[in-house]
Amino acid sequence: ENKTEFRQQLGLDGSQYDAAWDAFLKFGIGIPFNLLVAGTVNMDETTHGFSRKVIDRALSFDFGDFFPNDYEAYFESRTQNKTLSYPILSSVKLADLPEIDSEGKETIRFLNAINELLHNTSFKLAYRALNELLLAVVSQNPKNKSELFAVWDDFLMCKVMPRIEGDSDKLMNGRSDETLLQELISLIQKEFDNFNQQIDRPDLYREFKEGDNIVISIGCRSLEKLRWMQTRLENSGFTSFWP
């Protein structure tokens, strides 16, 4: 009786849907790889923060960092947001990777270096982090080293740094007297200097409107956020990614 009622609620009542109903009972409803679930949430003192388990399975965009407010452009803006996309792949093959990192070695080396700093902490990355970073590289299809670093930088902001929070004791990995934040700053600054011949990196999520062919250049997002987090730690004894 419950099955019959549920079938009616799904709109599958009728002999023409028998095959579909039988398939549903046997296999359930599959979720295709090109289905993205998006939502917004206020991250402040009135809300509960996300657990690392949730962050591990999502990409968290801080709109204030990725799409900054420009009051001067309220009535007429020269820029527009790019349409976001993501590959329907569940994993990456060598043939999928762009020429700038055709074997994925640079990306793997970079994430290994990040994860070595996270060793002996509760923030260490799991295997899926590399898979999702490689998917981001495929999706953005960087054409040069500066664009490749920009993909890494944005991935740190979406996947890695939202995981990091705590007091001075929690943010030590036992390797040095520096906090985890300070070690990450040194590592990312070195990568930023090596990969960029310019002062800034390209913005992969915003572009100038038609008629402007100049790439929007921005500073390294993760460096700016890490320095903010370190200052907060020094001033209050606790820090997190979210304000």
C-alpha atoms as a PDB file:
ATOM      1  CA  GLU A   1       0.000   0.000   0.000  1.00  0.00           C
ATOM      2  CA  ASN A   2       2.804   2.427   0.858  1.00  0.00           C
ATOM      3  CA  LYS A   3       4.559   1.610  -2.429  1.00  0.00           C
ATOM      4  CA  THR A   4       1.384   2.290  -4.372  1.00  0.00           C
ATOM      5  CA  GLU A   5       0.899   5.637  -2.658  1.00  0.00           C
ATOM      6  CA  PHE A   6       4.544   6.577  -3.241  1.00  0.00           C
ATOM      7  CA  ARG A   7       4.242   5.615  -6.911  1.00  0.00           C
ATOM      8  CA  GLN A   8       1.261   7.913  -7.265  1.00  0.00           C
ATOM      9  CA  GLN A   9       3.141  10.744  -5.559  1.00  0.00           C
ATOM     10  CA  LEU A  10       5.982  10.320  -8.059  1.00  0.00           C
ATOM     11  CA  GLY A  11       3.536  10.559 -10.950  1.00  0.00           C
ATOM     12  CA  LEU A  12       4.327   7.030 -12.133  1.00  0.00           C
ATOM     13  CA  ASP A  13       0.795   5.695 -11.758  1.00  0.00           C
ATOM     14  CA  GLY A  14      -0.255   3.921 -14.950  1.00  0.00           C
ATOM     15  CA  SER A  15       0.795   0.875 -16.946  1.00  0.00           C
ATOM     16  CA  GLN A  16       2.919   2.972 -19.309  1.00  0.00           C
ATOM     17  CA  TYR A  17       5.314   3.592 -16.368  1.00  0.00           C
ATOM     18  CA  ASP A  18       5.602  -0.058 -15.260  1.00  0.00           C
ATOM     19  CA  ALA A  19       9.111  -0.441 -16.654  1.00  0.00           C
ATOM     20  CA  ALA A  20      10.273   2.809 -15.059  1.00  0.00           C
ATOM     21  CA  TRP A  21       8.729   1.827 -11.726  1.00  0.00           C
ATOM     22  CA  ASP A  22      10.347  -1.626 -11.801  1.00  0.00           C
ATOM     23  CA  ALA A  23      13.726  -0.037 -12.555  1.00  0.00           C
ATOM     24  CA  PHE A  24      13.254   2.434  -9.701  1.00  0.00           C
ATOM     25  CA  LEU A  25      12.456  -0.361  -7.225  1.00  0.00           C
ATOM     26  CA  LYS A  26      15.509  -2.317  -8.324  1.00  0.00           C
ATOM     27  CA  PHE A  27      18.127   0.416  -8.738  1.00  0.00           C
ATOM     28  CA  GLY A  28      16.758   3.535  -7.044  1.00  0.00           C
ATOM     29  CA  ILE A  29      17.395   6.977  -8.501  1.00  0.00           C
ATOM     30  CA  GLY A  30      20.919   7.519  -9.753  1.00  0.00           C
ATOM     31  CA  ILE A  31      22.657  10.883  -9.395  1.00  0.00           C
ATOM     32  CA  PRO A  32      24.522  11.829 -12.580  1.00  0.00           C
ATOM     33  CA  PHE A  33      28.040  13.288 -12.397  1.00  0.00           C
ATOM     34  CA  ASN A  34      26.892  16.550 -13.996  1.00  0.00           C
ATOM     35  CA  LEU A  35      24.494  17.311 -11.132  1.00  0.00           C
ATOM     36  CA  LEU A  36      25.834  20.079  -8.906  1.00  0.00           C
ATOM     37  CA  VAL A  37      24.110  21.052  -5.675  1.00  0.00           C
ATOM     38  CA  ALA A  38      24.720  24.682  -4.682  1.00  0.00           C
ATOM     39  CA  GLY A  39      23.550  26.745  -1.755  1.00  0.00           C
ATOM     40  CA  THR A  40      24.457  29.759   0.345  1.00  0.00           C
ATOM     41  CA  VAL A  41      24.929  30.201   4.064  1.00  0.00           C
ATOM     42  CA  ASN A  42      25.855  33.072   6.345  1.00  0.00           C
ATOM     43  CA  MET A  43      29.065  32.315   8.246  1.00  0.00           C
ATOM     44  CA  ASP A  44      28.973  34.478  11.364  1.00  0.00           C
ATOM     45  CA  GLU A  45      28.422  34.241  15.107  1.00  0.00           C
ATOM     46  CA  THR A  46      24.731  33.415  14.582  1.00  0.00           C
ATOM     47  CA  THR A  47      25.383  30.191  12.632  1.00  0.00           C
ATOM     48  CA  HIS A  48      27.099  26.845  13.153  1.00  0.00           C
ATOM     49  CA  GLY A  49      30.288  26.250  11.163  1.00  0.00           C
ATOM     50  CA  PHE A  50      30.737  23.366   8.747  1.00  0.00           C
ATOM     51  CA  SER A  51      32.522  20.251   9.959  1.00  0.00           C
ATOM     52  CA  ARG A  52      35.632  19.106   8.085  1.00  0.00           C
ATOM     53  CA  LYS A  53      33.638  16.104   6.875  1.00  0.00           C
ATOM     54  CA  VAL A  54      31.289  18.477   5.039  1.00  0.00           C
ATOM     55  CA  ILE A  55      34.105  20.676   3.713  1.00  0.00           C
ATOM     56  CA  ASP A  56      35.893  17.560   2.387  1.00  0.00           C
ATOM     57  CA  ARG A  57      32.898  16.876   0.164  1.00  0.00           C
ATOM     58  CA  ALA A  58      32.230  20.398  -1.034  1.00  0.00           C
ATOM     59  CA  LEU A  59      33.851  23.468  -2.539  1.00  0.00           C
ATOM     60  CA  SER A  60      33.337  26.496  -0.286  1.00  0.00           C
ATOM     61  CA  PHE A  61      33.424  29.874  -2.027  1.00  0.00           C
ATOM     62  CA  ASP A  62      33.751  32.946   0.156  1.00  0.00           C
ATOM     63  CA  PHE A  63      31.884  35.421  -2.024  1.00  0.00           C
ATOM     64  CA  GLY A  64      33.636  38.341  -0.357  1.00  0.00           C
ATOM     65  CA  ASP A  65      36.980  37.018  -1.594  1.00  0.00           C
ATOM     66  CA  PHE A  66      35.987  35.733  -5.021  1.00  0.00           C
ATOM     67  CA  PHE A  67      33.471  38.434  -5.949  1.00  0.00           C
ATOM     68  CA  PRO A  68      34.505  41.555  -4.000  1.00  0.00           C
ATOM     69  CA  ASN A  69      32.142  44.506  -3.673  1.00  0.00           C
ATOM     70  CA  ASP A  70      33.042  47.579  -5.685  1.00  0.00           C
ATOM     71  CA  TYR A  71      30.873  50.489  -4.619  1.00  0.00           C
ATOM     72  CA  GLU A  72      32.258  52.687  -7.400  1.00  0.00           C
ATOM     73  CA  ALA A  73      30.872  50.224  -9.956  1.00  0.00           C
ATOM     74  CA  TYR A  74      27.377  50.041  -8.461  1.00  0.00           C
ATOM     75  CA  PHE A  75      25.633  51.636 -11.464  1.00  0.00           C
ATOM     76  CA  GLU A  76      27.987  50.593 -14.232  1.00  0.00           C
ATOM     77  CA  SER A  77      30.569  47.849 -13.870  1.00  0.00           C
ATOM     78  CA  ARG A  78      33.328  47.017 -16.327  1.00  0.00           C
ATOM     79  CA  THR A  79      33.463  43.422 -15.101  1.00  0.00           C
ATOM     80  CA  GLN A  80      31.151  40.443 -15.049  1.00  0.00           C
ATOM     81  CA  ASN A  81      31.232  37.040 -13.384  1.00  0.00           C
ATOM     82  CA  LYS A  82      32.254  34.096 -15.523  1.00  0.00           C
ATOM     83  CA  THR A  83      29.864  31.189 -15.918  1.00  0.00           C
ATOM     84  CA  LEU A  84      31.064  28.417 -13.621  1.00  0.00           C
ATOM     85  CA  SER A  85      31.460  24.914 -14.974  1.00  0.00           C
ATOM     86  CA  TYR A  86      32.883  21.614 -13.816  1.00  0.00           C
ATOM     87  CA  PRO A  87      33.789  18.468 -15.765  1.00  0.00           C
ATOM     88  CA  ILE A  88      31.440  15.511 -15.601  1.00  0.00           C
ATOM     89  CA  LEU A  89      34.471  13.291 -14.975  1.00  0.00           C
ATOM     90  CA  SER A  90      34.698  11.465 -11.671  1.00  0.00           C
ATOM     91  CA  SER A  91      38.458  10.987 -12.026  1.00  0.00           C
ATOM     92  CA  VAL A  92      41.208  12.320 -14.269  1.00  0.00           C
ATOM     93  CA  LYS A  93      43.249  10.475 -16.891  1.00  0.00           C
ATOM     94  CA  LEU A  94      46.528  11.745 -18.301  1.00  0.00           C
ATOM     95  CA  ALA A  95      44.844  12.520 -21.617  1.00  0.00           C
ATOM     96  CA  ASP A  96      42.457  14.945 -19.849  1.00  0.00           C
ATOM     97  CA  LEU A  97      45.178  17.211 -18.443  1.00  0.00           C
ATOM     98  CA  PRO A  98      46.196  20.474 -20.164  1.00  0.00           C
ATOM     99  CA  GLU A  99      49.581  20.838 -21.853  1.00  0.00           C
ATOM    100  CA  ILE A 100      50.995  23.091 -19.118  1.00  0.00           C
ATOM    101  CA  ASP A 101      50.844  20.132 -16.684  1.00  0.00           C
ATOM    102  CA  SER A 102      50.341  17.236 -19.081  1.00  0.00           C
ATOM    103  CA  GLU A 103      51.441  14.549 -16.629  1.00  0.00           C
ATOM    104  CA  GLY A 104      50.013  16.196 -13.511  1.00  0.00           C
ATOM    105  CA  LYS A 105      53.426  16.130 -11.826  1.00  0.00           C
ATOM    106  CA  GLU A 106      53.473  19.822 -10.908  1.00  0.00           C
ATOM    107  CA  THR A 107      50.024  19.685  -9.337  1.00  0.00           C
ATOM    108  CA  ILE A 108      50.845  16.488  -7.439  1.00  0.00           C
ATOM    109  CA  ARG A 109      54.128  17.988  -6.208  1.00  0.00           C
ATOM    110  CA  PHE A 110      52.354  21.116  -4.986  1.00  0.00           C
ATOM    111  CA  LEU A 111      49.625  19.281  -3.071  1.00  0.00           C
ATOM    112  CA  ASN A 112      52.193  16.885  -1.603  1.00  0.00           C
ATOM    113  CA  ALA A 113      54.113  19.881  -0.260  1.00  0.00           C
ATOM    114  CA  ILE A 114      50.931  21.304   1.293  1.00  0.00           C
ATOM    115  CA  ASN A 115      50.029  17.947   2.818  1.00  0.00           C
ATOM    116  CA  GLU A 116      53.499  17.489   4.318  1.00  0.00           C
ATOM    117  CA  LEU A 117      52.936  20.663   6.318  1.00  0.00           C
ATOM    118  CA  LEU A 118      49.518  19.381   7.388  1.00  0.00           C
ATOM    119  CA  HIS A 119      51.031  16.104   8.618  1.00  0.00           C
ATOM    120  CA  ASN A 120      50.553  15.449  12.343  1.00  0.00           C
ATOM    121  CA  THR A 121      47.573  17.798  12.378  1.00  0.00           C
ATOM    122  CA  SER A 122      43.835  17.181  12.095  1.00  0.00           C
ATOM    123  CA  PHE A 123      43.830  19.099   8.795  1.00  0.00           C
ATOM    124  CA  LYS A 124      45.707  16.580   6.643  1.00  0.00           C
ATOM    125  CA  LEU A 125      44.110  16.041   3.244  1.00  0.00           C
ATOM    126  CA  ALA A 126      42.643  12.760   2.030  1.00  0.00           C
ATOM    127  CA  TYR A 127      43.002  11.180  -1.414  1.00  0.00           C
ATOM    128  CA  ARG A 128      39.909  12.885  -2.813  1.00  0.00           C
ATOM    129  CA  ALA A 129      41.587  16.298  -2.454  1.00  0.00           C
ATOM    130  CA  LEU A 130      44.112  15.488  -5.190  1.00  0.00           C
ATOM    131  CA  ASN A 131      41.395  14.094  -7.423  1.00  0.00           C
ATOM    132  CA  GLU A 132      39.344  17.255  -7.063  1.00  0.00           C
ATOM    133  CA  LEU A 133      42.344  19.523  -7.628  1.00  0.00           C
ATOM    134  CA  LEU A 134      43.177  17.649 -10.839  1.00  0.00           C
ATOM    135  CA  LEU A 135      39.522  17.988 -11.871  1.00  0.00           C
ATOM    136  CA  ALA A 136      39.794  21.733 -11.269  1.00  0.00           C
ATOM    137  CA  VAL A 137      42.912  21.856 -13.468  1.00  0.00           C
ATOM    138  CA  VAL A 138      41.033  20.042 -16.239  1.00  0.00           C
ATOM    139  CA  SER A 139      38.008  22.312 -15.873  1.00  0.00           C
ATOM    140  CA  GLN A 140      39.945  25.599 -15.906  1.00  0.00           C
ATOM    141  CA  ASN A 141      42.330  24.369 -18.624  1.00  0.00           C
ATOM    142  CA  PRO A 142      45.201  26.752 -17.741  1.00  0.00           C
ATOM    143  CA  LYS A 143      47.365  27.890 -20.634  1.00  0.00           C
ATOM    144  CA  ASN A 144      50.421  29.067 -18.696  1.00  0.00           C
ATOM    145  CA  LYS A 145      52.115  28.740 -15.309  1.00  0.00           C
ATOM    146  CA  SER A 146      50.408  31.799 -13.896  1.00  0.00           C
ATOM    147  CA  GLU A 147      46.976  30.355 -14.686  1.00  0.00           C
ATOM    148  CA  LEU A 148      47.994  26.972 -13.248  1.00  0.00           C
ATOM    149  CA  PHE A 149      49.038  28.613  -9.993  1.00  0.00           C
ATOM    150  CA  ALA A 150      45.735  30.507  -9.981  1.00  0.00           C
ATOM    151  CA  VAL A 151      43.875  27.161 -10.074  1.00  0.00           C
ATOM    152  CA  TRP A 152      45.924  25.955  -7.108  1.00  0.00           C
ATOM    153  CA  ASP A 153      45.373  29.204  -5.233  1.00  0.00           C
ATOM    154  CA  ASP A 154      41.594  29.058  -5.693  1.00  0.00           C
ATOM    155  CA  PHE A 155      41.549  25.389  -4.678  1.00  0.00           C
ATOM    156  CA  LEU A 156      43.327  26.224  -1.427  1.00  0.00           C
ATOM    157  CA  MET A 157      40.666  28.841  -0.744  1.00  0.00           C
ATOM    158  CA  CYS A 158      37.777  26.490  -1.532  1.00  0.00           C
ATOM    159  CA  LYS A 159      38.963  23.179  -0.105  1.00  0.00           C
ATOM    160  CA  VAL A 160      41.991  23.444   2.180  1.00  0.00           C
ATOM    161  CA  MET A 161      41.931  26.631   4.204  1.00  0.00           C
ATOM    162  CA  PRO A 162      38.272  26.453   5.347  1.00  0.00           C
ATOM    163  CA  ARG A 163      39.361  23.300   7.251  1.00  0.00           C
ATOM    164  CA  ILE A 164      41.937  25.153   9.334  1.00  0.00           C
ATOM    165  CA  GLU A 165      40.967  26.651  12.675  1.00  0.00           C
ATOM    166  CA  GLY A 166      42.047  26.571  16.300  1.00  0.00           C
ATOM    167  CA  ASP A 167      44.418  28.039  18.876  1.00  0.00           C
ATOM    168  CA  SER A 168      48.209  28.173  18.863  1.00  0.00           C
ATOM    169  CA  ASP A 169      48.581  24.616  20.183  1.00  0.00           C
ATOM    170  CA  LYS A 170      46.308  23.143  17.520  1.00  0.00           C
ATOM    171  CA  LEU A 171      48.055  25.060  14.756  1.00  0.00           C
ATOM    172  CA  MET A 172      51.492  23.553  15.451  1.00  0.00           C
ATOM    173  CA  ASN A 173      52.704  20.445  13.629  1.00  0.00           C
ATOM    174  CA  GLY A 174      55.809  19.804  15.757  1.00  0.00           C
ATOM    175  CA  ARG A 175      58.245  20.496  12.897  1.00  0.00           C
ATOM    176  CA  SER A 176      59.247  24.030  13.877  1.00  0.00           C
ATOM    177  CA  ASP A 177      58.463  26.904  16.217  1.00  0.00           C
ATOM    178  CA  GLU A 178      56.329  28.537  13.515  1.00  0.00           C
ATOM    179  CA  THR A 179      52.595  28.060  13.337  1.00  0.00           C
ATOM    180  CA  LEU A 180      51.096  26.019  10.542  1.00  0.00           C
ATOM    181  CA  LEU A 181      49.836  29.279   9.045  1.00  0.00           C
ATOM    182  CA  GLN A 182      53.340  30.771   8.921  1.00  0.00           C
ATOM    183  CA  GLU A 183      54.747  27.642   7.279  1.00  0.00           C
ATOM    184  CA  LEU A 184      51.980  27.672   4.681  1.00  0.00           C
ATOM    185  CA  ILE A 185      52.678  31.345   3.982  1.00  0.00           C
ATOM    186  CA  SER A 186      56.363  30.583   3.305  1.00  0.00           C
ATOM    187  CA  LEU A 187      55.529  27.633   1.040  1.00  0.00           C
ATOM    188  CA  ILE A 188      52.865  29.414  -1.002  1.00  0.00           C
ATOM    189  CA  GLN A 189      54.970  32.581  -1.308  1.00  0.00           C
ATOM    190  CA  LYS A 190      57.797  30.487  -2.760  1.00  0.00           C
ATOM    191  CA  GLU A 191      55.436  28.806  -5.245  1.00  0.00           C
ATOM    192  CA  PHE A 192      53.896  32.163  -6.147  1.00  0.00           C
ATOM    193  CA  ASP A 193      57.339  33.659  -6.846  1.00  0.00           C
ATOM    194  CA  ASN A 194      58.452  30.650  -8.901  1.00  0.00           C
ATOM    195  CA  PHE A 195      55.350  30.438 -11.067  1.00  0.00           C
ATOM    196  CA  ASN A 196      54.598  34.097 -11.682  1.00  0.00           C
ATOM    197  CA  GLN A 197      56.742  36.486 -13.667  1.00  0.00           C
ATOM    198  CA  GLN A 198      54.231  39.186 -12.741  1.00  0.00           C
ATOM    199  CA  ILE A 199      53.228  40.627  -9.391  1.00  0.00           C
ATOM    200  CA  ASP A 200      49.683  39.266  -9.561  1.00  0.00           C
ATOM    201  CA  ARG A 201      47.796  36.221 -10.810  1.00  0.00           C
ATOM    202  CA  PRO A 202      44.791  36.121 -13.172  1.00  0.00           C
ATOM    203  CA  ASP A 203      41.235  36.073 -11.831  1.00  0.00           C
ATOM    204  CA  LEU A 204      39.587  32.889 -13.139  1.00  0.00           C
ATOM    205  CA  TYR A 205      36.071  33.803 -11.987  1.00  0.00           C
ATOM    206  CA  ARG A 206      35.624  37.345 -13.283  1.00  0.00           C
ATOM    207  CA  GLU A 207      36.278  38.983 -16.630  1.00  0.00           C
ATOM    208  CA  PHE A 208      35.969  42.365 -18.241  1.00  0.00           C
ATOM    209  CA  LYS A 209      32.838  42.869 -20.297  1.00  0.00           C
ATOM    210  CA  GLU A 210      32.860  42.695 -24.076  1.00  0.00           C
ATOM    211  CA  GLY A 211      35.272  45.183 -25.581  1.00  0.00           C
ATOM    212  CA  ASP A 212      37.914  44.794 -22.872  1.00  0.00           C
ATOM    213  CA  ASN A 213      40.558  42.151 -23.616  1.00  0.00           C
ATOM    214  CA  ILE A 214      42.644  42.786 -20.519  1.00  0.00           C
ATOM    215  CA  VAL A 215      42.808  39.935 -17.985  1.00  0.00           C
ATOM    216  CA  ILE A 216      41.741  40.881 -14.456  1.00  0.00           C
ATOM    217  CA  SER A 217      44.811  40.530 -12.227  1.00  0.00           C
ATOM    218  CA  ILE A 218      44.556  39.989  -8.484  1.00  0.00           C
ATOM    219  CA  GLY A 219      46.893  39.173  -5.620  1.00  0.00           C
ATOM    220  CA  CYS A 220      47.364  35.679  -4.248  1.00  0.00           C
ATOM    221  CA  ARG A 221      44.108  34.938  -2.401  1.00  0.00           C
ATOM    222  CA  SER A 222      45.470  32.270  -0.082  1.00  0.00           C
ATOM    223  CA  LEU A 223      48.457  34.371   1.015  1.00  0.00           C
ATOM    224  CA  GLU A 224      46.210  37.291   1.902  1.00  0.00           C
ATOM    225  CA  LYS A 225      43.837  35.055   3.852  1.00  0.00           C
ATOM    226  CA  LEU A 226      46.640  33.209   5.678  1.00  0.00           C
ATOM    227  CA  ARG A 227      48.190  36.488   6.804  1.00  0.00           C
ATOM    228  CA  TRP A 228      44.785  37.649   8.033  1.00  0.00           C
ATOM    229  CA  MET A 229      44.322  34.375   9.933  1.00  0.00           C
ATOM    230  CA  GLN A 230      47.804  34.611  11.490  1.00  0.00           C
ATOM    231  CA  THR A 231      47.164  38.190  12.642  1.00  0.00           C
ATOM    232  CA  ARG A 232      43.858  37.102  14.143  1.00  0.00           C
ATOM    233  CA  LEU A 233      45.611  34.238  15.954  1.00  0.00           C
ATOM    234  CA  GLU A 234      48.191  36.620  17.417  1.00  0.00           C
ATOM    235  CA  ASN A 235      45.565  39.151  18.508  1.00  0.00           C
ATOM    236  CA  SER A 236      42.922  36.837  19.981  1.00  0.00           C
ATOM    237  CA  GLY A 237      44.592  33.451  20.500  1.00  0.00           C
ATOM    238  CA  PHE A 238      42.210  31.708  18.088  1.00  0.00           C
ATOM    239  CA  THR A 239      41.661  31.846  14.354  1.00  0.00           C
ATOM    240  CA  SER A 240      39.544  30.402  11.569  1.00  0.00           C
ATOM    241  CA  PHE A 241      38.992  30.910   7.856  1.00  0.00           C
ATOM    242  CA  TRP A 242      35.630  32.565   8.378  1.00  0.00           C
ATOM    243  CA  PRO A 243      35.268  36.055   9.904  1.00  0.00           C
END
